[in-house]
PDB file of N, CA and C in Angstrom:
ATOM      1  N   UNK A   1     -13.457 -34.360  42.587  1.00  0.00           N
ATOM      2  CA  UNK A   1     -13.502 -33.099  42.782  1.00  0.00           C
ATOM      3  C   UNK A   1     -12.146 -32.576  41.955  1.00  0.00           C
ATOM      4  N   UNK A   2     -12.007 -31.352  41.483  1.00  0.00           N
ATOM      5  CA  UNK A   2     -11.159 -30.931  40.657  1.00  0.00           C
ATOM      6  C   UNK A   2     -10.163 -30.247  41.570  1.00  0.00           C
ATOM      7  N   UNK A   3      -8.853 -30.212  41.738  1.00  0.00           N
ATOM      8  CA  UNK A   3      -8.243 -29.717  42.586  1.00  0.00           C
ATOM      9  C   UNK A   3      -7.877 -28.094  42.253  1.00  0.00           C
ATOM     10  N   UNK A   4      -7.795 -27.265  42.968  1.00  0.00           N
ATOM     11  CA  UNK A   4      -7.592 -25.733  42.713  1.00  0.00           C
ATOM     12  C   UNK A   4      -6.533 -25.469  41.679  1.00  0.00           C
ATOM     13  N   UNK A   5      -5.423 -26.030  41.674  1.00  0.00           N
ATOM     14  CA  UNK A   5      -4.392 -25.966  40.684  1.00  0.00           C
ATOM     15  C   UNK A   5      -5.057 -26.072  39.068  1.00  0.00           C
ATOM     16  N   UNK A   6      -5.413 -27.368  38.995  1.00  0.00           N
ATOM     17  CA  UNK A   6      -6.235 -27.717  37.713  1.00  0.00           C
ATOM     18  C   UNK A   6      -7.308 -26.643  37.279  1.00  0.00           C
ATOM     19  N   UNK A   7      -7.979 -26.183  38.249  1.00  0.00           N
ATOM     20  CA  UNK A   7      -9.108 -25.461  38.113  1.00  0.00           C
ATOM     21  C   UNK A   7      -8.646 -24.096  37.556  1.00  0.00           C
ATOM     22  N   UNK A   8      -7.552 -23.611  38.195  1.00  0.00           N
ATOM     23  CA  UNK A   8      -6.912 -22.399  37.821  1.00  0.00           C
ATOM     24  C   UNK A   8      -6.393 -22.554  36.385  1.00  0.00           C
ATOM     25  N   UNK A   9      -5.876 -23.656  36.099  1.00  0.00           N
ATOM     26  CA  UNK A   9      -5.254 -23.729  34.903  1.00  0.00           C
ATOM     27  C   UNK A   9      -5.991 -23.901  33.554  1.00  0.00           C
ATOM     28  N   UNK A  10      -7.207 -24.380  33.863  1.00  0.00           N
ATOM     29  CA  UNK A  10      -8.503 -24.542  33.323  1.00  0.00           C
ATOM     30  C   UNK A  10      -9.010 -23.136  32.916  1.00  0.00           C
ATOM     31  N   UNK A  11      -9.314 -22.197  33.952  1.00  0.00           N
ATOM     32  CA  UNK A  11      -9.691 -20.877  33.729  1.00  0.00           C
ATOM     33  C   UNK A  11      -8.749 -20.187  32.867  1.00  0.00           C
ATOM     34  N   UNK A  12      -7.371 -20.256  33.097  1.00  0.00           N
ATOM     35  CA  UNK A  12      -6.432 -19.601  32.500  1.00  0.00           C
ATOM     36  C   UNK A  12      -6.317 -19.826  30.888  1.00  0.00           C
ATOM     37  N   UNK A  13      -6.404 -21.283  30.795  1.00  0.00           N
ATOM     38  CA  UNK A  13      -6.871 -21.463  29.164  1.00  0.00           C
ATOM     39  C   UNK A  13      -7.913 -21.368  28.615  1.00  0.00           C
ATOM     40  N   UNK A  14      -9.327 -21.178  29.471  1.00  0.00           N
ATOM     41  CA  UNK A  14     -10.343 -20.475  28.774  1.00  0.00           C
ATOM     42  C   UNK A  14     -10.312 -19.078  28.466  1.00  0.00           C
ATOM     43  N   UNK A  15      -9.716 -18.298  29.276  1.00  0.00           N
ATOM     44  CA  UNK A  15      -9.492 -17.055  29.098  1.00  0.00           C
ATOM     45  C   UNK A  15      -8.462 -16.521  27.997  1.00  0.00           C
ATOM     46  N   UNK A  16      -7.415 -17.546  27.745  1.00  0.00           N
ATOM     47  CA  UNK A  16      -6.564 -17.353  26.678  1.00  0.00           C
ATOM     48  C   UNK A  16      -7.535 -17.628  25.280  1.00  0.00           C
ATOM     49  N   UNK A  17      -8.321 -18.493  25.429  1.00  0.00           N
ATOM     50  CA  UNK A  17      -9.010 -18.991  24.067  1.00  0.00           C
ATOM     51  C   UNK A  17      -9.943 -17.763  23.872  1.00  0.00           C
ATOM     52  N   UNK A  18     -10.611 -17.398  25.071  1.00  0.00           N
ATOM     53  CA  UNK A  18     -11.765 -16.457  24.878  1.00  0.00           C
ATOM     54  C   UNK A  18     -11.034 -15.170  24.314  1.00  0.00           C
ATOM     55  N   UNK A  19      -9.874 -14.708  24.829  1.00  0.00           N
ATOM     56  CA  UNK A  19      -9.170 -13.410  24.533  1.00  0.00           C
ATOM     57  C   UNK A  19      -8.585 -13.413  22.987  1.00  0.00           C
ATOM     58  N   UNK A  20      -8.394 -14.805  22.583  1.00  0.00           N
ATOM     59  CA  UNK A  20      -8.116 -14.937  21.461  1.00  0.00           C
ATOM     60  C   UNK A  20      -9.107 -14.523  20.080  1.00  0.00           C
ATOM     61  N   UNK A  21     -10.292 -14.942  20.702  1.00  0.00           N
ATOM     62  CA  UNK A  21     -11.644 -14.600  19.643  1.00  0.00           C
ATOM     63  C   UNK A  21     -12.351 -13.401  19.925  1.00  0.00           C
ATOM     64  N   UNK A  22     -11.798 -12.656  21.219  1.00  0.00           N
ATOM     65  CA  UNK A  22     -12.465 -11.256  21.423  1.00  0.00           C
ATOM     66  C   UNK A  22     -11.432 -10.255  21.754  1.00  0.00           C
ATOM     67  N   UNK A  23     -11.157  -9.201  21.125  1.00  0.00           N
ATOM     68  CA  UNK A  23     -10.337  -8.357  21.044  1.00  0.00           C
ATOM     69  C   UNK A  23     -10.969  -7.033  21.303  1.00  0.00           C
ATOM     70  N   UNK A  24     -10.214  -5.742  21.326  1.00  0.00           N
ATOM     71  CA  UNK A  24     -10.538  -4.610  21.748  1.00  0.00           C
ATOM     72  C   UNK A  24     -10.065  -3.841  20.549  1.00  0.00           C
ATOM     73  N   UNK A  25     -10.695  -2.967  19.748  1.00  0.00           N
ATOM     74  CA  UNK A  25     -10.396  -2.223  18.767  1.00  0.00           C
ATOM     75  C   UNK A  25      -9.511  -0.951  19.138  1.00  0.00           C
ATOM     76  N   UNK A  26      -9.072   0.109  18.301  1.00  0.00           N
ATOM     77  CA  UNK A  26      -8.225   1.101  18.785  1.00  0.00           C
ATOM     78  C   UNK A  26      -9.328   2.109  19.371  1.00  0.00           C
ATOM     79  N   UNK A  27     -10.501   1.909  19.411  1.00  0.00           N
ATOM     80  CA  UNK A  27     -11.633   2.848  19.968  1.00  0.00           C
ATOM     81  C   UNK A  27     -11.930   2.333  21.274  1.00  0.00           C
ATOM     82  N   UNK A  28     -11.367   1.213  21.684  1.00  0.00           N
ATOM     83  CA  UNK A  28     -12.077   0.754  23.040  1.00  0.00           C
ATOM     84  C   UNK A  28     -13.006  -0.445  22.905  1.00  0.00           C
ATOM     85  N   UNK A  29     -13.575  -0.567  21.664  1.00  0.00           N
ATOM     86  CA  UNK A  29     -14.672  -1.228  21.290  1.00  0.00           C
ATOM     87  C   UNK A  29     -14.360  -2.748  21.361  1.00  0.00           C
ATOM     88  N   UNK A  30     -15.121  -3.643  21.915  1.00  0.00           N
ATOM     89  CA  UNK A  30     -14.758  -4.955  21.755  1.00  0.00           C
ATOM     90  C   UNK A  30     -15.281  -5.510  20.412  1.00  0.00           C
ATOM     91  N   UNK A  31     -14.545  -6.471  19.981  1.00  0.00           N
ATOM     92  CA  UNK A  31     -14.890  -6.964  18.548  1.00  0.00           C
ATOM     93  C   UNK A  31     -14.336  -8.304  18.332  1.00  0.00           C
ATOM     94  N   UNK A  32     -14.667  -9.013  17.427  1.00  0.00           N
ATOM     95  CA  UNK A  32     -14.111 -10.318  17.364  1.00  0.00           C
ATOM     96  C   UNK A  32     -13.033 -10.303  16.320  1.00  0.00           C
ATOM     97  N   UNK A  33     -12.417 -11.651  16.381  1.00  0.00           N
ATOM     98  CA  UNK A  33     -11.164 -11.738  15.292  1.00  0.00           C
ATOM     99  C   UNK A  33     -11.839 -11.597  13.976  1.00  0.00           C
ATOM    100  N   UNK A  34     -12.871 -12.247  13.888  1.00  0.00           N
ATOM    101  CA  UNK A  34     -13.552 -12.201  12.222  1.00  0.00           C
ATOM    102  C   UNK A  34     -13.639 -10.868  11.950  1.00  0.00           C
ATOM    103  N   UNK A  35     -14.140  -9.937  12.796  1.00  0.00           N
ATOM    104  CA  UNK A  35     -14.345  -8.633  12.534  1.00  0.00           C
ATOM    105  C   UNK A  35     -12.887  -8.100  12.264  1.00  0.00           C
ATOM    106  N   UNK A  36     -12.313  -8.181  13.241  1.00  0.00           N
ATOM    107  CA  UNK A  36     -10.568  -7.735  13.137  1.00  0.00           C
ATOM    108  C   UNK A  36      -9.808  -7.827  11.671  1.00  0.00           C
ATOM    109  N   UNK A  37     -10.053  -9.410  11.173  1.00  0.00           N
ATOM    110  CA  UNK A  37      -9.526 -10.077  10.157  1.00  0.00           C
ATOM    111  C   UNK A  37     -10.302  -9.322   8.778  1.00  0.00           C
ATOM    112  N   UNK A  38     -11.776  -8.973   8.964  1.00  0.00           N
ATOM    113  CA  UNK A  38     -12.171  -8.297   7.718  1.00  0.00           C
ATOM    114  C   UNK A  38     -11.681  -6.888   7.606  1.00  0.00           C
ATOM    115  N   UNK A  39     -11.361  -6.143   8.849  1.00  0.00           N
ATOM    116  CA  UNK A  39     -10.863  -4.784   8.841  1.00  0.00           C
ATOM    117  C   UNK A  39      -9.260  -4.798   8.195  1.00  0.00           C
ATOM    118  N   UNK A  40      -8.544  -6.040   8.769  1.00  0.00           N
ATOM    119  CA  UNK A  40      -7.318  -5.741   8.085  1.00  0.00           C
ATOM    120  C   UNK A  40      -7.385  -6.095   6.656  1.00  0.00           C
ATOM    121  N   UNK A  41      -8.272  -6.964   6.172  1.00  0.00           N
ATOM    122  CA  UNK A  41      -8.688  -7.212   4.776  1.00  0.00           C
ATOM    123  C   UNK A  41      -8.932  -6.070   4.031  1.00  0.00           C
ATOM    124  N   UNK A  42      -9.914  -5.492   4.509  1.00  0.00           N
ATOM    125  CA  UNK A  42     -10.372  -3.979   3.803  1.00  0.00           C
ATOM    126  C   UNK A  42      -9.118  -3.091   3.713  1.00  0.00           C
ATOM    127  N   UNK A  43      -8.316  -3.058   4.769  1.00  0.00           N
ATOM    128  CA  UNK A  43      -7.092  -2.063   4.493  1.00  0.00           C
ATOM    129  C   UNK A  43      -6.423  -2.693   3.548  1.00  0.00           C
ATOM    130  N   UNK A  44      -5.833  -4.000   3.480  1.00  0.00           N
ATOM    131  CA  UNK A  44      -4.948  -4.311   2.622  1.00  0.00           C
ATOM    132  C   UNK A  44      -5.589  -4.145   1.090  1.00  0.00           C
ATOM    133  N   UNK A  45      -6.831  -4.490   0.989  1.00  0.00           N
ATOM    134  CA  UNK A  45      -7.523  -4.071  -0.356  1.00  0.00           C
ATOM    135  C   UNK A  45      -7.251  -2.523  -0.686  1.00  0.00           C
ATOM    136  N   UNK A  46      -7.496  -1.837   0.110  1.00  0.00           N
ATOM    137  CA  UNK A  46      -7.216  -0.183  -0.196  1.00  0.00           C
ATOM    138  C   UNK A  46      -5.801   0.129  -0.523  1.00  0.00           C
ATOM    139  N   UNK A  47      -4.818  -0.583   0.242  1.00  0.00           N
ATOM    140  CA  UNK A  47      -3.515  -0.283  -0.452  1.00  0.00           C
ATOM    141  C   UNK A  47      -3.353  -0.919  -1.851  1.00  0.00           C
ATOM    142  N   UNK A  48      -3.642  -2.319  -1.731  1.00  0.00           N
ATOM    143  CA  UNK A  48      -3.252  -2.786  -3.032  1.00  0.00           C
ATOM    144  C   UNK A  48      -4.138  -2.051  -4.544  1.00  0.00           C
ATOM    145  N   UNK A  49      -5.424  -1.493  -4.157  1.00  0.00           N
ATOM    146  CA  UNK A  49      -6.056  -0.833  -5.163  1.00  0.00           C
ATOM    147  C   UNK A  49      -5.334   0.625  -5.506  1.00  0.00           C
ATOM    148  N   UNK A  50      -4.687   1.093  -4.479  1.00  0.00           N
ATOM    149  CA  UNK A  50      -4.105   2.423  -4.805  1.00  0.00           C
ATOM    150  C   UNK A  50      -2.812   2.035  -5.431  1.00  0.00           C
ATOM    151  N   UNK A  51      -2.134   0.796  -5.355  1.00  0.00           N
ATOM    152  CA  UNK A  51      -0.967   0.565  -5.999  1.00  0.00           C
ATOM    153  C   UNK A  51      -1.263  -0.113  -7.446  1.00  0.00           C
ATOM    154  N   UNK A  52      -2.395  -0.774  -7.466  1.00  0.00           N
ATOM    155  CA  UNK A  52      -2.490  -1.268  -8.774  1.00  0.00           C
ATOM    156  C   UNK A  52      -4.174  -1.479  -8.908  1.00  0.00           C
ATOM    157  N   UNK A  53      -4.580  -0.780  -9.877  1.00  0.00           N
ATOM    158  CA  UNK A  53      -6.184  -0.708  -9.788  1.00  0.00           C
ATOM    159  C   UNK A  53      -6.613  -2.046 -10.380  1.00  0.00           C
ATOM    160  N   UNK A  54      -7.150  -2.756  -9.881  1.00  0.00           N
ATOM    161  CA  UNK A  54      -7.576  -4.139 -10.740  1.00  0.00           C
ATOM    162  C   UNK A  54      -9.000  -4.192 -10.453  1.00  0.00           C
ATOM    163  N   UNK A  55      -9.610  -3.027 -10.312  1.00  0.00           N
ATOM    164  CA  UNK A  55     -11.073  -2.922 -10.261  1.00  0.00           C
ATOM    165  C   UNK A  55     -11.338  -1.994 -11.588  1.00  0.00           C
ATOM    166  N   UNK A  56     -12.523  -2.099 -12.257  1.00  0.00           N
ATOM    167  CA  UNK A  56     -12.999  -0.943 -13.444  1.00  0.00           C
ATOM    168  C   UNK A  56     -13.580   0.196 -12.642  1.00  0.00           C
ATOM    169  N   UNK A  57     -13.643   0.960 -13.042  1.00  0.00           N
ATOM    170  CA  UNK A  57     -14.416   2.601 -12.881  1.00  0.00           C
ATOM    171  C   UNK A  57     -13.582   3.148 -11.846  1.00  0.00           C
ATOM    172  N   UNK A  58     -12.355   3.054 -11.958  1.00  0.00           N
ATOM    173  CA  UNK A  58     -11.525   3.805 -10.991  1.00  0.00           C
ATOM    174  C   UNK A  58     -11.598   5.454 -11.451  1.00  0.00           C
ATOM    175  N   UNK A  59     -11.490   6.374 -10.696  1.00  0.00           N
ATOM    176  CA  UNK A  59     -11.755   7.542 -11.067  1.00  0.00           C
ATOM    177  C   UNK A  59     -10.318   8.112 -11.479  1.00  0.00           C
ATOM    178  N   UNK A  60      -9.420   8.030 -10.593  1.00  0.00           N
ATOM    179  CA  UNK A  60      -7.884   8.432 -10.782  1.00  0.00           C
ATOM    180  C   UNK A  60      -7.990  10.012 -11.275  1.00  0.00           C
ATOM    181  N   UNK A  61      -6.862  10.694 -11.756  1.00  0.00           N
ATOM    182  CA  UNK A  61      -6.540  11.981 -11.808  1.00  0.00           C
ATOM    183  C   UNK A  61      -5.812  12.133 -13.163  1.00  0.00           C
ATOM    184  N   UNK A  62      -5.424  13.726 -13.511  1.00  0.00           N
ATOM    185  CA  UNK A  62      -4.797  13.803 -14.761  1.00  0.00           C
ATOM    186  C   UNK A  62      -3.354  14.383 -14.218  1.00  0.00           C
ATOM    187  N   UNK A  63      -2.455  13.842 -14.705  1.00  0.00           N
ATOM    188  CA  UNK A  63      -0.828  14.133 -14.467  1.00  0.00           C
ATOM    189  C   UNK A  63      -0.564  15.569 -15.116  1.00  0.00           C
ATOM    190  N   UNK A  64       0.856  15.757 -14.858  1.00  0.00           N
ATOM    191  CA  UNK A  64       1.033  17.111 -15.225  1.00  0.00           C
ATOM    192  C   UNK A  64       1.278  17.174 -17.065  1.00  0.00           C
ATOM    193  N   UNK A  65       1.116  16.211 -17.722  1.00  0.00           N
ATOM    194  CA  UNK A  65       1.242  15.928 -18.999  1.00  0.00           C
ATOM    195  C   UNK A  65       0.111  15.553 -19.795  1.00  0.00           C
ATOM    196  N   UNK A  66      -0.956  15.710 -18.641  1.00  0.00           N
ATOM    197  CA  UNK A  66      -2.295  15.567 -19.276  1.00  0.00           C
ATOM    198  C   UNK A  66      -2.572  14.295 -19.608  1.00  0.00           C
ATOM    199  N   UNK A  67      -2.139  13.433 -19.437  1.00  0.00           N
ATOM    200  CA  UNK A  67      -2.343  11.737 -18.976  1.00  0.00           C
ATOM    201  C   UNK A  67      -3.173  11.667 -17.689  1.00  0.00           C
ATOM    202  N   UNK A  68      -3.769  10.512 -17.885  1.00  0.00           N
ATOM    203  CA  UNK A  68      -4.640  10.064 -16.992  1.00  0.00           C
ATOM    204  C   UNK A  68      -4.162   8.623 -16.106  1.00  0.00           C
ATOM    205  N   UNK A  69      -4.039   9.264 -14.704  1.00  0.00           N
ATOM    206  CA  UNK A  69      -3.442   7.840 -14.018  1.00  0.00           C
ATOM    207  C   UNK A  69      -4.577   7.484 -13.094  1.00  0.00           C
ATOM    208  N   UNK A  70      -4.680   6.439 -12.464  1.00  0.00           N
ATOM    209  CA  UNK A  70      -5.549   5.701 -11.692  1.00  0.00           C
ATOM    210  C   UNK A  70      -4.869   4.999 -10.502  1.00  0.00           C
ATOM    211  N   UNK A  71      -3.653   4.911 -10.931  1.00  0.00           N
ATOM    212  CA  UNK A  71      -2.858   4.048  -9.591  1.00  0.00           C
ATOM    213  C   UNK A  71      -1.352   4.602  -9.412  1.00  0.00           C
ATOM    214  N   UNK A  72      -0.830   4.270  -8.416  1.00  0.00           N
ATOM    215  CA  UNK A  72       0.687   4.334  -8.070  1.00  0.00           C
ATOM    216  C   UNK A  72       1.445   4.085  -9.064  1.00  0.00           C
ATOM    217  N   UNK A  73       1.128   2.713  -9.766  1.00  0.00           N
ATOM    218  CA  UNK A  73       2.083   2.242 -10.828  1.00  0.00           C
ATOM    219  C   UNK A  73       1.996   3.103 -12.043  1.00  0.00           C
ATOM    220  N   UNK A  74       0.673   3.474 -12.421  1.00  0.00           N
ATOM    221  CA  UNK A  74       0.640   4.336 -13.631  1.00  0.00           C
ATOM    222  C   UNK A  74       1.468   5.864 -13.624  1.00  0.00           C
ATOM    223  N   UNK A  75       1.476   6.192 -12.170  1.00  0.00           N
ATOM    224  CA  UNK A  75       2.031   7.620 -11.690  1.00  0.00           C
ATOM    225  C   UNK A  75       3.571   7.245 -11.776  1.00  0.00           C
ATOM    226  N   UNK A  76       4.094   6.071 -11.386  1.00  0.00           N
ATOM    227  CA  UNK A  76       5.682   5.915 -11.557  1.00  0.00           C
ATOM    228  C   UNK A  76       6.158   5.659 -13.082  1.00  0.00           C
ATOM    229  N   UNK A  77       4.920   5.171 -13.684  1.00  0.00           N
ATOM    230  CA  UNK A  77       5.684   5.003 -15.055  1.00  0.00           C
ATOM    231  C   UNK A  77       5.427   6.325 -15.744  1.00  0.00           C
ATOM    232  N   UNK A  78       4.668   7.275 -15.341  1.00  0.00           N
ATOM    233  CA  UNK A  78       4.538   8.519 -15.972  1.00  0.00           C
ATOM    234  C   UNK A  78       5.967   9.413 -15.804  1.00  0.00           C
ATOM    235  N   UNK A  79       6.212   9.272 -14.453  1.00  0.00           N
ATOM    236  CA  UNK A  79       7.455   9.861 -14.041  1.00  0.00           C
ATOM    237  C   UNK A  79       8.618   9.293 -14.675  1.00  0.00           C
ATOM    238  N   UNK A  80       8.703   7.914 -14.625  1.00  0.00           N
ATOM    239  CA  UNK A  80       9.793   7.296 -15.499  1.00  0.00           C
ATOM    240  C   UNK A  80       9.922   7.799 -17.296  1.00  0.00           C
ATOM    241  N   UNK A  81       9.062   8.118 -17.449  1.00  0.00           N
ATOM    242  CA  UNK A  81       8.450   8.604 -19.027  1.00  0.00           C
ATOM    243  C   UNK A  81       9.228   9.959 -18.885  1.00  0.00           C
ATOM    244  N   UNK A  82       8.885  10.729 -18.089  1.00  0.00           N
ATOM    245  CA  UNK A  82       9.358  12.068 -17.792  1.00  0.00           C
ATOM    246  C   UNK A  82      11.066  12.104 -17.866  1.00  0.00           C
ATOM    247  N   UNK A  83      11.359  11.272 -16.858  1.00  0.00           N
ATOM    248  CA  UNK A  83      12.778  11.143 -16.762  1.00  0.00           C
ATOM    249  C   UNK A  83      13.729  10.730 -18.020  1.00  0.00           C
ATOM    250  N   UNK A  84      13.051   9.734 -18.890  1.00  0.00           N
ATOM    251  CA  UNK A  84      13.623   9.813 -20.137  1.00  0.00           C
ATOM    252  C   UNK A  84      13.728  10.910 -20.882  1.00  0.00           C
ATOM    253  N   UNK A  85      12.660  11.706 -21.141  1.00  0.00           N
ATOM    254  CA  UNK A  85      12.489  12.718 -21.786  1.00  0.00           C
ATOM    255  C   UNK A  85      13.833  13.739 -21.480  1.00  0.00           C
ATOM    256  N   UNK A  86      13.917  13.916 -20.168  1.00  0.00           N
ATOM    257  CA  UNK A  86      14.845  14.926 -19.499  1.00  0.00           C
ATOM    258  C   UNK A  86      16.322  14.240 -20.106  1.00  0.00           C
ATOM    259  N   UNK A  87      16.670  12.891 -19.904  1.00  0.00           N
ATOM    260  CA  UNK A  87      17.817  12.188 -20.292  1.00  0.00           C
ATOM    261  C   UNK A  87      18.236  12.481 -21.604  1.00  0.00           C
ATOM    262  N   UNK A  88      17.138  12.487 -22.737  1.00  0.00           N
ATOM    263  CA  UNK A  88      17.241  12.739 -24.041  1.00  0.00           C
ATOM    264  C   UNK A  88      17.609  14.132 -24.166  1.00  0.00           C
ATOM    265  N   UNK A  89      16.979  15.095 -23.641  1.00  0.00           N
ATOM    266  CA  UNK A  89      17.467  16.526 -23.773  1.00  0.00           C
ATOM    267  C   UNK A  89      18.753  16.811 -23.041  1.00  0.00           C
ATOM    268  N   UNK A  90      19.306  16.259 -22.345  1.00  0.00           N
ATOM    269  CA  UNK A  90      20.670  16.269 -21.972  1.00  0.00           C
ATOM    270  C   UNK A  90      21.525  15.875 -22.778  1.00  0.00           C
ATOM    271  N   UNK A  91      21.321  14.533 -23.314  1.00  0.00           N
ATOM    272  CA  UNK A  91      22.187  14.039 -24.314  1.00  0.00           C
ATOM    273  C   UNK A  91      22.053  14.907 -25.863  1.00  0.00           C
ATOM    274  N   UNK A  92      20.817  15.508 -25.788  1.00  0.00           N
ATOM    275  CA  UNK A  92      20.711  16.441 -27.223  1.00  0.00           C
ATOM    276  C   UNK A  92      21.720  17.591 -26.855  1.00  0.00           C
ATOM    277  N   UNK A  93      21.680  18.060 -25.851  1.00  0.00           N
ATOM    278  CA  UNK A  93      22.558  19.288 -25.423  1.00  0.00           C
ATOM    279  C   UNK A  93      23.979  19.040 -25.175  1.00  0.00           C
ATOM    280  N   UNK A  94      24.260  17.835 -25.004  1.00  0.00           N
ATOM    281  CA  UNK A  94      25.674  17.389 -24.804  1.00  0.00           C
ATOM    282  C   UNK A  94      26.154  17.160 -26.258  1.00  0.00           C
ATOM    283  N   UNK A  95      25.445  16.589 -26.859  1.00  0.00           N
ATOM    284  CA  UNK A  95      25.942  16.386 -28.482  1.00  0.00           C
ATOM    285  C   UNK A  95      26.320  17.946 -28.982  1.00  0.00           C
ATOM    286  N   UNK A  96      25.229  18.877 -28.836  1.00  0.00           N
ATOM    287  CA  UNK A  96      25.534  20.153 -29.203  1.00  0.00           C
ATOM    288  C   UNK A  96      26.774  20.869 -28.773  1.00  0.00           C
ATOM    289  N   UNK A  97      26.976  20.767 -27.359  1.00  0.00           N
ATOM    290  CA  UNK A  97      28.394  21.272 -26.814  1.00  0.00           C
ATOM    291  C   UNK A  97      29.392  20.501 -27.576  1.00  0.00           C
ATOM    292  N   UNK A  98      29.338  19.301 -27.503  1.00  0.00           N
ATOM    293  CA  UNK A  98      30.623  18.671 -28.242  1.00  0.00           C
ATOM    294  C   UNK A  98      31.034  18.920 -29.730  1.00  0.00           C
ATOM    295  N   UNK A  99      29.748  19.328 -30.517  1.00  0.00           N
ATOM    296  CA  UNK A  99      29.834  19.806 -32.018  1.00  0.00           C
ATOM    297  C   UNK A  99      30.350  21.113 -31.971  1.00  0.00           C
ATOM    298  N   UNK A 100      30.019  21.987 -30.973  1.00  0.00           N
ATOM    299  CA  UNK A 100      30.408  23.511 -30.892  1.00  0.00           C
ATOM    300  C   UNK A 100      31.988  23.405 -30.419  1.00  0.00           C
ATOM    301  N   UNK A 101      32.261  22.706 -29.873  1.00  0.00           N
ATOM    302  CA  UNK A 101      33.825  22.495 -29.397  1.00  0.00           C
ATOM    303  C   UNK A 101      34.691  22.068 -30.596  1.00  0.00           C
ATOM    304  N   UNK A 102      34.286  21.120 -31.477  1.00  0.00           N
ATOM    305  CA  UNK A 102      34.884  20.479 -32.499  1.00  0.00           C
ATOM    306  C   UNK A 102      34.806  21.531 -33.646  1.00  0.00           C
ATOM    307  N   UNK A 103      34.176  22.746 -33.821  1.00  0.00           N
ATOM    308  CA  UNK A 103      34.096  23.371 -34.796  1.00  0.00           C
ATOM    309  C   UNK A 103      34.705  24.725 -34.425  1.00  0.00           C
ATOM    310  N   UNK A 104      35.479  24.917 -33.334  1.00  0.00           N
ATOM    311  CA  UNK A 104      36.259  25.925 -33.164  1.00  0.00           C
ATOM    312  C   UNK A 104      37.521  25.995 -33.536  1.00  0.00           C
TER     313      UNK A 104
END
């Protein structure tokens, strides 16, 4: 016959194993670890797709300059291109100011 201490430890071990494979989601519904991992995988896939579109058929949107972007990467590249144009315009203005000061 198994003594009570060993039996309690076996029950605790079984409860730990069971709870590792049976969880409760944010809505209070019981779910399995496999379902939880699938949900995590789907969420990470959504984040990855938003950052870099590795699937065809992305809808995307038009940016302020008329370009079409489908991801965060493309929109950051568009912002970078706009900042380069601003820097070039500032440089042109600085050259014009320097020229006007030399001609005085």
